[in-house]
Amino acid sequence: MTTLLLVLNFLVTIALIGVILIQRSEGGGLGIGSSQGMGSFMTGRGTANLLTRTTSVLAGVFMVLCLLLAVLNRGASTNGGSDILAQPAPAIAPATQTAPAAPATVPASTPTKQ
């Protein structure tokens, strides 16, 4: 189920990117959304309305799919679904008593350099 929703979300995302890129912007954009780019199929205003509605529908579907994926995967975290801000208790090893190491002594028979 999650894989199907992920693939559907990916396809909606690609479609949303494409629809946004073909819209006419202030700077011209790709310019496909103008009446010259569509031939005599629709007027400029009709094309703009169609692209605006398509963008809003795709954005709504994208948001719903993202919410569904979040709800389906909310308990699938590796830490058992606990709070992400909670810090895990550090593992403290029991303290062990060790004898201090004996200092290294120089044997008296070795000559020292002066």
PDB file of N, CA and C in Angstrom:
ATOM      1  N   MET A   1       0.825  -1.194   0.000  1.00  0.00           N
ATOM      2  CA  MET A   1       0.000   0.000   0.000  1.00  0.00           C
ATOM      3  C   MET A   1       0.867   1.255   0.000  1.00  0.00           C
ATOM      4  N   THR A   2       1.893   1.234   0.852  1.00  0.00           N
ATOM      5  CA  THR A   2       2.782   2.396   0.927  1.00  0.00           C
ATOM      6  C   THR A   2       3.535   2.587  -0.381  1.00  0.00           C
ATOM      7  N   THR A   3       3.956   1.485  -0.998  1.00  0.00           N
ATOM      8  CA  THR A   3       4.691   1.585  -2.257  1.00  0.00           C
ATOM      9  C   THR A   3       3.801   2.165  -3.351  1.00  0.00           C
ATOM     10  N   LEU A   4       2.553   1.737  -3.384  1.00  0.00           N
ATOM     11  CA  LEU A   4       1.623   2.274  -4.373  1.00  0.00           C
ATOM     12  C   LEU A   4       1.401   3.770  -4.170  1.00  0.00           C
ATOM     13  N   LEU A   5       1.248   4.183  -2.917  1.00  0.00           N
ATOM     14  CA  LEU A   5       1.063   5.609  -2.632  1.00  0.00           C
ATOM     15  C   LEU A   5       2.312   6.413  -2.963  1.00  0.00           C
ATOM     16  N   LEU A   6       3.494   5.834  -2.722  1.00  0.00           N
ATOM     17  CA  LEU A   6       4.730   6.536  -3.071  1.00  0.00           C
ATOM     18  C   LEU A   6       4.864   6.728  -4.576  1.00  0.00           C
ATOM     19  N   VAL A   7       4.532   5.695  -5.335  1.00  0.00           N
ATOM     20  CA  VAL A   7       4.615   5.807  -6.793  1.00  0.00           C
ATOM     21  C   VAL A   7       3.594   6.826  -7.299  1.00  0.00           C
ATOM     22  N   LEU A   8       2.385   6.786  -6.755  1.00  0.00           N
ATOM     23  CA  LEU A   8       1.364   7.751  -7.137  1.00  0.00           C
ATOM     24  C   LEU A   8       1.778   9.174  -6.761  1.00  0.00           C
ATOM     25  N   ASN A   9       2.381   9.328  -5.588  1.00  0.00           N
ATOM     26  CA  ASN A   9       2.867  10.643  -5.156  1.00  0.00           C
ATOM     27  C   ASN A   9       3.966  11.143  -6.099  1.00  0.00           C
ATOM     28  N   PHE A  10       4.839  10.256  -6.524  1.00  0.00           N
ATOM     29  CA  PHE A  10       5.904  10.634  -7.453  1.00  0.00           C
ATOM     30  C   PHE A  10       5.322  11.100  -8.787  1.00  0.00           C
ATOM     31  N   LEU A  11       4.319  10.378  -9.305  1.00  0.00           N
ATOM     32  CA  LEU A  11       3.715  10.760 -10.574  1.00  0.00           C
ATOM     33  C   LEU A  11       2.976  12.097 -10.470  1.00  0.00           C
ATOM     34  N   VAL A  12       2.283  12.309  -9.361  1.00  0.00           N
ATOM     35  CA  VAL A  12       1.601  13.587  -9.154  1.00  0.00           C
ATOM     36  C   VAL A  12       2.621  14.719  -9.061  1.00  0.00           C
ATOM     37  N   THR A  13       3.741  14.454  -8.409  1.00  0.00           N
ATOM     38  CA  THR A  13       4.793  15.469  -8.278  1.00  0.00           C
ATOM     39  C   THR A  13       5.352  15.854  -9.643  1.00  0.00           C
ATOM     40  N   ILE A  14       5.631  14.873 -10.475  1.00  0.00           N
ATOM     41  CA  ILE A  14       6.153  15.148 -11.817  1.00  0.00           C
ATOM     42  C   ILE A  14       5.126  15.935 -12.634  1.00  0.00           C
ATOM     43  N   ALA A  15       3.847  15.553 -12.539  1.00  0.00           N
ATOM     44  CA  ALA A  15       2.792  16.276 -13.264  1.00  0.00           C
ATOM     45  C   ALA A  15       2.667  17.707 -12.755  1.00  0.00           C
ATOM     46  N   LEU A  16       2.767  17.885 -11.445  1.00  0.00           N
ATOM     47  CA  LEU A  16       2.670  19.227 -10.865  1.00  0.00           C
ATOM     48  C   LEU A  16       3.824  20.113 -11.320  1.00  0.00           C
ATOM     49  N   ILE A  17       5.014  19.561 -11.356  1.00  0.00           N
ATOM     50  CA  ILE A  17       6.175  20.322 -11.840  1.00  0.00           C
ATOM     51  C   ILE A  17       5.970  20.720 -13.298  1.00  0.00           C
ATOM     52  N   GLY A  18       5.496  19.782 -14.122  1.00  0.00           N
ATOM     53  CA  GLY A  18       5.269  20.075 -15.533  1.00  0.00           C
ATOM     54  C   GLY A  18       4.225  21.155 -15.747  1.00  0.00           C
ATOM     55  N   VAL A  19       3.119  21.076 -15.001  1.00  0.00           N
ATOM     56  CA  VAL A  19       2.046  22.065 -15.161  1.00  0.00           C
ATOM     57  C   VAL A  19       2.526  23.442 -14.714  1.00  0.00           C
ATOM     58  N   ILE A  20       3.299  23.491 -13.660  1.00  0.00           N
ATOM     59  CA  ILE A  20       3.808  24.782 -13.186  1.00  0.00           C
ATOM     60  C   ILE A  20       4.778  25.388 -14.202  1.00  0.00           C
ATOM     61  N   LEU A  21       5.597  24.545 -14.808  1.00  0.00           N
ATOM     62  CA  LEU A  21       6.575  25.069 -15.767  1.00  0.00           C
ATOM     63  C   LEU A  21       5.950  25.581 -17.051  1.00  0.00           C
ATOM     64  N   ILE A  22       4.800  25.050 -17.463  1.00  0.00           N
ATOM     65  CA  ILE A  22       4.226  25.515 -18.725  1.00  0.00           C
ATOM     66  C   ILE A  22       3.317  26.729 -18.545  1.00  0.00           C
ATOM     67  N   GLN A  23       3.104  27.156 -17.311  1.00  0.00           N
ATOM     68  CA  GLN A  23       2.285  28.352 -17.097  1.00  0.00           C
ATOM     69  C   GLN A  23       3.059  29.598 -17.503  1.00  0.00           C
ATOM     70  N   ARG A  24       2.347  30.565 -17.956  1.00  0.00           N
ATOM     71  CA  ARG A  24       2.970  31.832 -18.348  1.00  0.00           C
ATOM     72  C   ARG A  24       3.232  32.655 -17.093  1.00  0.00           C
ATOM     73  N   SER A  25       4.430  33.156 -16.982  1.00  0.00           N
ATOM     74  CA  SER A  25       4.789  33.961 -15.819  1.00  0.00           C
ATOM     75  C   SER A  25       5.043  35.396 -16.263  1.00  0.00           C
ATOM     76  N   GLU A  26       5.371  36.246 -15.313  1.00  0.00           N
ATOM     77  CA  GLU A  26       5.668  37.651 -15.622  1.00  0.00           C
ATOM     78  C   GLU A  26       6.872  37.773 -16.540  1.00  0.00           C
ATOM     79  N   GLY A  27       7.881  36.943 -16.313  1.00  0.00           N
ATOM     80  CA  GLY A  27       9.084  37.024 -17.117  1.00  0.00           C
ATOM     81  C   GLY A  27       9.002  36.218 -18.391  1.00  0.00           C
ATOM     82  N   GLY A  28       7.902  35.572 -18.657  1.00  0.00           N
ATOM     83  CA  GLY A  28       7.778  34.782 -19.869  1.00  0.00           C
ATOM     84  C   GLY A  28       7.823  33.300 -19.581  1.00  0.00           C
ATOM     85  N   GLY A  29       8.667  32.870 -18.636  1.00  0.00           N
ATOM     86  CA  GLY A  29       8.777  31.450 -18.312  1.00  0.00           C
ATOM     87  C   GLY A  29       9.133  30.649 -19.546  1.00  0.00           C
ATOM     88  N   LEU A  30       8.512  29.510 -19.696  1.00  0.00           N
ATOM     89  CA  LEU A  30       8.698  28.732 -20.911  1.00  0.00           C
ATOM     90  C   LEU A  30       7.808  29.225 -22.037  1.00  0.00           C
ATOM     91  N   GLY A  31       6.799  30.000 -21.681  1.00  0.00           N
ATOM     92  CA  GLY A  31       5.956  30.608 -22.698  1.00  0.00           C
ATOM     93  C   GLY A  31       5.000  29.667 -23.380  1.00  0.00           C
ATOM     94  N   ILE A  32       4.834  28.470 -22.878  1.00  0.00           N
ATOM     95  CA  ILE A  32       3.963  27.512 -23.535  1.00  0.00           C
ATOM     96  C   ILE A  32       2.501  27.821 -23.227  1.00  0.00           C
ATOM     97  N   GLY A  33       2.248  28.477 -22.105  1.00  0.00           N
ATOM     98  CA  GLY A  33       0.878  28.752 -21.707  1.00  0.00           C
ATOM     99  C   GLY A  33       0.217  29.880 -22.467  1.00  0.00           C
ATOM    100  N   SER A  34       0.907  30.522 -23.377  1.00  0.00           N
ATOM    101  CA  SER A  34       0.304  31.621 -24.124  1.00  0.00           C
ATOM    102  C   SER A  34      -0.556  31.064 -25.257  1.00  0.00           C
ATOM    103  N   SER A  35      -1.368  31.914 -25.860  1.00  0.00           N
ATOM    104  CA  SER A  35      -2.264  31.434 -26.920  1.00  0.00           C
ATOM    105  C   SER A  35      -1.488  31.027 -28.168  1.00  0.00           C
ATOM    106  N   GLN A  36      -0.321  31.594 -28.399  1.00  0.00           N
ATOM    107  CA  GLN A  36       0.459  31.216 -29.566  1.00  0.00           C
ATOM    108  C   GLN A  36       1.019  29.803 -29.423  1.00  0.00           C
ATOM    109  N   GLY A  37       1.346  29.409 -28.200  1.00  0.00           N
ATOM    110  CA  GLY A  37       1.919  28.084 -27.994  1.00  0.00           C
ATOM    111  C   GLY A  37       0.888  26.983 -28.097  1.00  0.00           C
ATOM    112  N   MET A  38      -0.382  27.285 -27.836  1.00  0.00           N
ATOM    113  CA  MET A  38      -1.427  26.278 -27.882  1.00  0.00           C
ATOM    114  C   MET A  38      -2.125  26.235 -29.247  1.00  0.00           C
ATOM    115  N   GLY A  39      -1.705  27.048 -30.160  1.00  0.00           N
ATOM    116  CA  GLY A  39      -2.366  27.096 -31.459  1.00  0.00           C
ATOM    117  C   GLY A  39      -3.710  27.773 -31.317  1.00  0.00           C
ATOM    118  N   SER A  40      -4.720  27.283 -32.012  1.00  0.00           N
ATOM    119  CA  SER A  40      -6.043  27.874 -31.897  1.00  0.00           C
ATOM    120  C   SER A  40      -6.956  27.019 -31.023  1.00  0.00           C
ATOM    121  N   PHE A  41      -6.376  26.215 -30.181  1.00  0.00           N
ATOM    122  CA  PHE A  41      -7.173  25.313 -29.340  1.00  0.00           C
ATOM    123  C   PHE A  41      -7.982  26.075 -28.310  1.00  0.00           C
ATOM    124  N   MET A  42      -7.333  26.951 -27.556  1.00  0.00           N
ATOM    125  CA  MET A  42      -8.012  27.736 -26.526  1.00  0.00           C
ATOM    126  C   MET A  42      -7.477  29.150 -26.560  1.00  0.00           C
ATOM    127  N   THR A  43      -8.244  30.053 -25.988  1.00  0.00           N
ATOM    128  CA  THR A  43      -7.745  31.421 -25.873  1.00  0.00           C
ATOM    129  C   THR A  43      -6.718  31.470 -24.748  1.00  0.00           C
ATOM    130  N   GLY A  44      -6.006  32.575 -24.655  1.00  0.00           N
ATOM    131  CA  GLY A  44      -5.011  32.734 -23.596  1.00  0.00           C
ATOM    132  C   GLY A  44      -5.630  32.664 -22.214  1.00  0.00           C
ATOM    133  N   ARG A  45      -6.789  33.282 -22.053  1.00  0.00           N
ATOM    134  CA  ARG A  45      -7.467  33.276 -20.753  1.00  0.00           C
ATOM    135  C   ARG A  45      -7.959  31.873 -20.405  1.00  0.00           C
ATOM    136  N   GLY A  46      -8.503  31.149 -21.369  1.00  0.00           N
ATOM    137  CA  GLY A  46      -8.979  29.783 -21.128  1.00  0.00           C
ATOM    138  C   GLY A  46      -7.843  28.854 -20.761  1.00  0.00           C
ATOM    139  N   THR A  47      -6.707  29.027 -21.413  1.00  0.00           N
ATOM    140  CA  THR A  47      -5.543  28.210 -21.094  1.00  0.00           C
ATOM    141  C   THR A  47      -5.050  28.505 -19.689  1.00  0.00           C
ATOM    142  N   ALA A  48      -5.022  29.773 -19.318  1.00  0.00           N
ATOM    143  CA  ALA A  48      -4.571  30.150 -17.975  1.00  0.00           C
ATOM    144  C   ALA A  48      -5.497  29.578 -16.912  1.00  0.00           C
ATOM    145  N   ASN A  49      -6.815  29.636 -17.159  1.00  0.00           N
ATOM    146  CA  ASN A  49      -7.756  29.075 -16.201  1.00  0.00           C
ATOM    147  C   ASN A  49      -7.589  27.567 -16.077  1.00  0.00           C
ATOM    148  N   LEU A  50      -7.407  26.884 -17.199  1.00  0.00           N
ATOM    149  CA  LEU A  50      -7.222  25.438 -17.167  1.00  0.00           C
ATOM    150  C   LEU A  50      -5.960  25.064 -16.406  1.00  0.00           C
ATOM    151  N   LEU A  51      -4.867  25.760 -16.665  1.00  0.00           N
ATOM    152  CA  LEU A  51      -3.610  25.453 -15.984  1.00  0.00           C
ATOM    153  C   LEU A  51      -3.684  25.785 -14.500  1.00  0.00           C
ATOM    154  N   THR A  52      -4.380  26.853 -14.145  1.00  0.00           N
ATOM    155  CA  THR A  52      -4.524  27.218 -12.737  1.00  0.00           C
ATOM    156  C   THR A  52      -5.347  26.175 -11.994  1.00  0.00           C
ATOM    157  N   ARG A  53      -6.430  25.734 -12.596  1.00  0.00           N
ATOM    158  CA  ARG A  53      -7.254  24.701 -11.959  1.00  0.00           C
ATOM    159  C   ARG A  53      -6.506  23.383 -11.857  1.00  0.00           C
ATOM    160  N   THR A  54      -5.786  23.029 -12.906  1.00  0.00           N
ATOM    161  CA  THR A  54      -5.009  21.791 -12.880  1.00  0.00           C
ATOM    162  C   THR A  54      -3.955  21.850 -11.791  1.00  0.00           C
ATOM    163  N   THR A  55      -3.300  22.990 -11.643  1.00  0.00           N
ATOM    164  CA  THR A  55      -2.291  23.150 -10.594  1.00  0.00           C
ATOM    165  C   THR A  55      -2.911  23.001  -9.217  1.00  0.00           C
ATOM    166  N   SER A  56      -4.067  23.611  -9.001  1.00  0.00           N
ATOM    167  CA  SER A  56      -4.684  23.530  -7.676  1.00  0.00           C
ATOM    168  C   SER A  56      -5.158  22.116  -7.368  1.00  0.00           C
ATOM    169  N   VAL A  57      -5.690  21.406  -8.359  1.00  0.00           N
ATOM    170  CA  VAL A  57      -6.122  20.024  -8.132  1.00  0.00           C
ATOM    171  C   VAL A  57      -4.926  19.129  -7.841  1.00  0.00           C
ATOM    172  N   LEU A  58      -3.877  19.260  -8.623  1.00  0.00           N
ATOM    173  CA  LEU A  58      -2.680  18.447  -8.391  1.00  0.00           C
ATOM    174  C   LEU A  58      -2.037  18.761  -7.041  1.00  0.00           C
ATOM    175  N   ALA A  59      -2.057  20.033  -6.645  1.00  0.00           N
ATOM    176  CA  ALA A  59      -1.496  20.400  -5.338  1.00  0.00           C
ATOM    177  C   ALA A  59      -2.324  19.787  -4.212  1.00  0.00           C
ATOM    178  N   GLY A  60      -3.640  19.784  -4.354  1.00  0.00           N
ATOM    179  CA  GLY A  60      -4.497  19.167  -3.349  1.00  0.00           C
ATOM    180  C   GLY A  60      -4.277  17.669  -3.250  1.00  0.00           C
ATOM    181  N   VAL A  61      -4.167  17.000  -4.400  1.00  0.00           N
ATOM    182  CA  VAL A  61      -3.904  15.554  -4.403  1.00  0.00           C
ATOM    183  C   VAL A  61      -2.542  15.269  -3.778  1.00  0.00           C
ATOM    184  N   PHE A  62      -1.561  16.100  -4.083  1.00  0.00           N
ATOM    185  CA  PHE A  62      -0.220  15.930  -3.513  1.00  0.00           C
ATOM    186  C   PHE A  62      -0.251  16.036  -1.988  1.00  0.00           C
ATOM    187  N   MET A  63      -0.965  17.027  -1.475  1.00  0.00           N
ATOM    188  CA  MET A  63      -1.034  17.203  -0.014  1.00  0.00           C
ATOM    189  C   MET A  63      -1.753  16.041   0.650  1.00  0.00           C
ATOM    190  N   VAL A  64      -2.838  15.572   0.048  1.00  0.00           N
ATOM    191  CA  VAL A  64      -3.574  14.436   0.620  1.00  0.00           C
ATOM    192  C   VAL A  64      -2.704  13.180   0.622  1.00  0.00           C
ATOM    193  N   LEU A  65      -1.981  12.945  -0.466  1.00  0.00           N
ATOM    194  CA  LEU A  65      -1.095  11.778  -0.520  1.00  0.00           C
ATOM    195  C   LEU A  65       0.014  11.864   0.523  1.00  0.00           C
ATOM    196  N   CYS A  66       0.575  13.048   0.713  1.00  0.00           N
ATOM    197  CA  CYS A  66       1.623  13.215   1.727  1.00  0.00           C
ATOM    198  C   CYS A  66       1.078  12.959   3.129  1.00  0.00           C
ATOM    199  N   LEU A  67      -0.139  13.440   3.398  1.00  0.00           N
ATOM    200  CA  LEU A  67      -0.746  13.189   4.710  1.00  0.00           C
ATOM    201  C   LEU A  67      -1.040  11.706   4.914  1.00  0.00           C
ATOM    202  N   LEU A  68      -1.528  11.031   3.883  1.00  0.00           N
ATOM    203  CA  LEU A  68      -1.781   9.592   3.987  1.00  0.00           C
ATOM    204  C   LEU A  68      -0.493   8.821   4.256  1.00  0.00           C
ATOM    205  N   LEU A  69       0.566   9.172   3.559  1.00  0.00           N
ATOM    206  CA  LEU A  69       1.848   8.499   3.777  1.00  0.00           C
ATOM    207  C   LEU A  69       2.377   8.760   5.185  1.00  0.00           C
ATOM    208  N   ALA A  70       2.176   9.960   5.690  1.00  0.00           N
ATOM    209  CA  ALA A  70       2.635  10.274   7.049  1.00  0.00           C
ATOM    210  C   ALA A  70       1.847   9.482   8.081  1.00  0.00           C
ATOM    211  N   VAL A  71       0.534   9.354   7.876  1.00  0.00           N
ATOM    212  CA  VAL A  71      -0.287   8.603   8.828  1.00  0.00           C
ATOM    213  C   VAL A  71       0.047   7.115   8.775  1.00  0.00           C
ATOM    214  N   LEU A  72       0.263   6.590   7.583  1.00  0.00           N
ATOM    215  CA  LEU A  72       0.587   5.168   7.460  1.00  0.00           C
ATOM    216  C   LEU A  72       1.944   4.815   8.055  1.00  0.00           C
ATOM    217  N   ASN A  73       2.881   5.744   8.018  1.00  0.00           N
ATOM    218  CA  ASN A  73       4.239   5.456   8.478  1.00  0.00           C
ATOM    219  C   ASN A  73       4.566   6.056   9.831  1.00  0.00           C
ATOM    220  N   ARG A  74       3.583   6.511  10.563  1.00  0.00           N
ATOM    221  CA  ARG A  74       3.895   7.171  11.832  1.00  0.00           C
ATOM    222  C   ARG A  74       4.441   6.214  12.876  1.00  0.00           C
ATOM    223  N   GLY A  75       4.097   4.932  12.851  1.00  0.00           N
ATOM    224  CA  GLY A  75       4.602   3.977  13.836  1.00  0.00           C
ATOM    225  C   GLY A  75       5.728   3.120  13.309  1.00  0.00           C
ATOM    226  N   ALA A  76       6.240   3.419  12.136  1.00  0.00           N
ATOM    227  CA  ALA A  76       7.255   2.576  11.523  1.00  0.00           C
ATOM    228  C   ALA A  76       8.674   3.062  11.768  1.00  0.00           C
ATOM    229  N   SER A  77       8.868   3.907  12.766  1.00  0.00           N
ATOM    230  CA  SER A  77      10.221   4.407  13.012  1.00  0.00           C
ATOM    231  C   SER A  77      11.049   3.348  13.727  1.00  0.00           C
ATOM    232  N   THR A  78      12.345   3.509  13.705  1.00  0.00           N
ATOM    233  CA  THR A  78      13.240   2.521  14.280  1.00  0.00           C
ATOM    234  C   THR A  78      13.245   2.528  15.800  1.00  0.00           C
ATOM    235  N   ASN A  79      12.826   3.624  16.418  1.00  0.00           N
ATOM    236  CA  ASN A  79      12.859   3.694  17.872  1.00  0.00           C
ATOM    237  C   ASN A  79      11.511   3.348  18.494  1.00  0.00           C
ATOM    238  N   GLY A  80      10.653   2.661  17.759  1.00  0.00           N
ATOM    239  CA  GLY A  80       9.403   2.203  18.316  1.00  0.00           C
ATOM    240  C   GLY A  80       8.325   3.266  18.387  1.00  0.00           C
ATOM    241  N   GLY A  81       8.443   4.352  17.641  1.00  0.00           N
ATOM    242  CA  GLY A  81       7.414   5.373  17.612  1.00  0.00           C
ATOM    243  C   GLY A  81       7.456   6.324  18.788  1.00  0.00           C
ATOM    244  N   SER A  82       8.565   6.417  19.479  1.00  0.00           N
ATOM    245  CA  SER A  82       8.636   7.331  20.608  1.00  0.00           C
ATOM    246  C   SER A  82       8.882   8.750  20.114  1.00  0.00           C
ATOM    247  N   ASP A  83       8.896   9.673  21.040  1.00  0.00           N
ATOM    248  CA  ASP A  83       9.088  11.079  20.714  1.00  0.00           C
ATOM    249  C   ASP A  83      10.479  11.280  20.112  1.00  0.00           C
ATOM    250  N   ILE A  84      10.545  12.018  19.004  1.00  0.00           N
ATOM    251  CA  ILE A  84      11.835  12.209  18.351  1.00  0.00           C
ATOM    252  C   ILE A  84      12.723  13.165  19.122  1.00  0.00           C
ATOM    253  N   LEU A  85      12.128  13.974  19.994  1.00  0.00           N
ATOM    254  CA  LEU A  85      12.926  14.913  20.775  1.00  0.00           C
ATOM    255  C   LEU A  85      13.468  14.298  22.058  1.00  0.00           C
ATOM    256  N   ALA A  86      12.924  13.158  22.457  1.00  0.00           N
ATOM    257  CA  ALA A  86      13.382  12.518  23.689  1.00  0.00           C
ATOM    258  C   ALA A  86      14.755  11.902  23.465  1.00  0.00           C
ATOM    259  N   GLN A  87      15.653  12.197  24.366  1.00  0.00           N
ATOM    260  CA  GLN A  87      17.003  11.651  24.281  1.00  0.00           C
ATOM    261  C   GLN A  87      17.028  10.277  24.939  1.00  0.00           C
ATOM    262  N   PRO A  88      17.635   9.297  24.302  1.00  0.00           N
ATOM    263  CA  PRO A  88      17.718   7.984  24.935  1.00  0.00           C
ATOM    264  C   PRO A  88      18.667   8.035  26.132  1.00  0.00           C
ATOM    265  N   ALA A  89      18.361   7.224  27.131  1.00  0.00           N
ATOM    266  CA  ALA A  89      19.217   7.180  28.321  1.00  0.00           C
ATOM    267  C   ALA A  89      20.562   6.584  27.934  1.00  0.00           C
ATOM    268  N   PRO A  90      21.653   7.238  28.300  1.00  0.00           N
ATOM    269  CA  PRO A  90      22.969   6.694  27.938  1.00  0.00           C
ATOM    270  C   PRO A  90      23.243   5.421  28.735  1.00  0.00           C
ATOM    271  N   ALA A  91      23.883   4.484  28.082  1.00  0.00           N
ATOM    272  CA  ALA A  91      24.249   3.239  28.751  1.00  0.00           C
ATOM    273  C   ALA A  91      25.493   3.502  29.587  1.00  0.00           C
ATOM    274  N   ILE A  92      25.353   3.372  30.895  1.00  0.00           N
ATOM    275  CA  ILE A  92      26.470   3.626  31.802  1.00  0.00           C
ATOM    276  C   ILE A  92      26.992   2.286  32.306  1.00  0.00           C
ATOM    277  N   ALA A  93      28.267   2.052  32.064  1.00  0.00           N
ATOM    278  CA  ALA A  93      28.881   0.812  32.529  1.00  0.00           C
ATOM    279  C   ALA A  93      29.169   0.950  34.023  1.00  0.00           C
ATOM    280  N   PRO A  94      29.042  -0.133  34.783  1.00  0.00           N
ATOM    281  CA  PRO A  94      29.337  -0.045  36.215  1.00  0.00           C
ATOM    282  C   PRO A  94      30.814   0.282  36.433  1.00  0.00           C
ATOM    283  N   ALA A  95      31.050   1.124  37.417  1.00  0.00           N
ATOM    284  CA  ALA A  95      32.423   1.520  37.726  1.00  0.00           C
ATOM    285  C   ALA A  95      33.154   0.353  38.378  1.00  0.00           C
ATOM    286  N   THR A  96      34.356   0.118  37.934  1.00  0.00           N
ATOM    287  CA  THR A  96      35.164  -0.961  38.522  1.00  0.00           C
ATOM    288  C   THR A  96      36.394  -0.357  39.165  1.00  0.00           C
ATOM    289  N   GLN A  97      36.782  -0.941  40.265  1.00  0.00           N
ATOM    290  CA  GLN A  97      37.985  -0.489  40.965  1.00  0.00           C
ATOM    291  C   GLN A  97      39.189  -1.220  40.387  1.00  0.00           C
ATOM    292  N   THR A  98      40.167  -0.470  39.989  1.00  0.00           N
ATOM    293  CA  THR A  98      41.410  -1.068  39.504  1.00  0.00           C
ATOM    294  C   THR A  98      42.545  -0.533  40.354  1.00  0.00           C
ATOM    295  N   ALA A  99      43.516  -1.384  40.569  1.00  0.00           N
ATOM    296  CA  ALA A  99      44.688  -0.977  41.344  1.00  0.00           C
ATOM    297  C   ALA A  99      45.517  -0.023  40.504  1.00  0.00           C
ATOM    298  N   PRO A 100      46.061   1.005  41.143  1.00  0.00           N
ATOM    299  CA  PRO A 100      46.902   1.928  40.372  1.00  0.00           C
ATOM    300  C   PRO A 100      48.145   1.206  39.869  1.00  0.00           C
ATOM    301  N   ALA A 101      48.554   1.592  38.689  1.00  0.00           N
ATOM    302  CA  ALA A 101      49.736   0.965  38.098  1.00  0.00           C
ATOM    303  C   ALA A 101      50.973   1.367  38.876  1.00  0.00           C
ATOM    304  N   ALA A 102      51.878   0.404  39.032  1.00  0.00           N
ATOM    305  CA  ALA A 102      53.126   0.676  39.751  1.00  0.00           C
ATOM    306  C   ALA A 102      53.991   1.591  38.893  1.00  0.00           C
ATOM    307  N   PRO A 103      54.624   2.592  39.507  1.00  0.00           N
ATOM    308  CA  PRO A 103      55.478   3.476  38.720  1.00  0.00           C
ATOM    309  C   PRO A 103      56.687   2.721  38.185  1.00  0.00           C
ATOM    310  N   ALA A 104      57.070   3.092  37.002  1.00  0.00           N
ATOM    311  CA  ALA A 104      58.247   2.453  36.403  1.00  0.00           C
ATOM    312  C   ALA A 104      59.487   2.951  37.123  1.00  0.00           C
ATOM    313  N   THR A 105      60.286   2.014  37.580  1.00  0.00           N
ATOM    314  CA  THR A 105      61.523   2.371  38.283  1.00  0.00           C
ATOM    315  C   THR A 105      62.712   2.005  37.426  1.00  0.00           C
ATOM    316  N   VAL A 106      63.717   2.790  37.545  1.00  0.00           N
ATOM    317  CA  VAL A 106      64.952   2.541  36.812  1.00  0.00           C
ATOM    318  C   VAL A 106      65.851   1.717  37.717  1.00  0.00           C
ATOM    319  N   PRO A 107      66.336   0.588  37.240  1.00  0.00           N
ATOM    320  CA  PRO A 107      67.248  -0.205  38.093  1.00  0.00           C
ATOM    321  C   PRO A 107      68.505   0.601  38.429  1.00  0.00           C
ATOM    322  N   ALA A 108      69.019   0.388  39.606  1.00  0.00           N
ATOM    323  CA  ALA A 108      70.176   1.136  40.106  1.00  0.00           C
ATOM    324  C   ALA A 108      71.433   0.800  39.352  1.00  0.00           C
ATOM    325  N   SER A 109      71.490  -0.353  38.722  1.00  0.00           N
ATOM    326  CA  SER A 109      72.736  -0.776  38.067  1.00  0.00           C
ATOM    327  C   SER A 109      72.928  -0.152  36.691  1.00  0.00           C
ATOM    328  N   THR A 110      71.911   0.515  36.169  1.00  0.00           N
ATOM    329  CA  THR A 110      72.088   1.120  34.842  1.00  0.00           C
ATOM    330  C   THR A 110      72.732   2.490  34.982  1.00  0.00           C
ATOM    331  N   PRO A 111      73.712   2.739  34.146  1.00  0.00           N
ATOM    332  CA  PRO A 111      74.358   4.055  34.221  1.00  0.00           C
ATOM    333  C   PRO A 111      73.447   5.128  33.639  1.00  0.00           C
ATOM    334  N   THR A 112      73.510   6.265  34.219  1.00  0.00           N
ATOM    335  CA  THR A 112      72.727   7.415  33.736  1.00  0.00           C
ATOM    336  C   THR A 112      73.657   8.371  33.030  1.00  0.00           C
ATOM    337  N   LYS A 113      73.169   9.036  32.020  1.00  0.00           N
ATOM    338  CA  LYS A 113      73.984  10.019  31.290  1.00  0.00           C
ATOM    339  C   LYS A 113      73.842  11.354  31.953  1.00  0.00           C
ATOM    340  N   GLN A 114      74.975  12.018  32.085  1.00  0.00           N
ATOM    341  CA  GLN A 114      74.954  13.321  32.720  1.00  0.00           C
ATOM    342  C   GLN A 114      75.474  14.391  31.816  1.00  0.00           C
TER     343      GLN A 114
END
